[in-house]
Amino acid sequence: MADPRVIVALDYPDADSALAFAARVAPAHCRLKVGMELFTAAGPGVVSSLVSRGFDVFLDLKYHDIPTTVARACAQAAELGVWMLNVHALGGKKMLLAAREAVERSKHRPFLIGVTLLTSHGEDDLADIGWGPGATGHVARLATLVHAAGLDGVVCSPRETVELRRRFGRDFLLVTPGVRPAGAATDDQSRTRTPAEAMADGSDYLVIGRPITRAPDPVSALAAINREIETA
């Protein structure tokens, strides 16, 4: 695939496990996501190793802090050669602008996207944090903030992509976790879609972890999802 749409979440506890998986797949078939667990365990070195093997790496650390701190973190991430990184939209306009300006000054300009709501959040979770019902409305407001700050796109549930695509057009990236093949366990995800449904509804990239990494044959599982995407 010239532009692989699957981003495999390398939710492993150590670098050896992540690199062993990477050795079994090809950059032409998927991109790879390094999240908080793996980055905390293995540090920037695992990112550099994956980049050196030719993979596009999405660094998923959801930066959320004061603008200066986030800007500096984004600049350091860009120096690692990552393809994409993210910040949390709840950091607000000043933080989002600082992050964008930081990556624009980098030699290697990665995509910068904003996290809206976690795909594990259901209506009960929103109530717990004092928000009213209606995840779609909250996501739309946060995505509007991200778009106004000039970021490249958002992380959102595949259930929100139709509305966000209508609002922001084709050039605004929609990266969707919470994607599960038909019949797969939902694990801790609440707002899910199948790969075909997510692509049909407007997702650009699908973040998929356990249905691939914990499959009896991860390579075959990835190939099956890619076939499903191609026919969507």
Foldseek 3Di string as FASTA:
>chain_A
DQQAQEEAEQQDQELVLSVVVVVVDAQNQYAYEYEDRHCVRYNLVSLLVSVVRPHAYEYEYQAADAQVVLLVVLLVVVVSVHQEYEHELVSDLSNLLSNQVSLVPHPRRHAYAYEQDDQLDDQVNCVVVPHHDDSLVSSVVSQVSNVVSPGQAYEDALVNLLVVCVVPHQRRAYEYEQEDAPPDDSPSGDRHYHLLSSVVSPHRHYYHYCQQSVDPHNVVSSVVSSVSNVVD
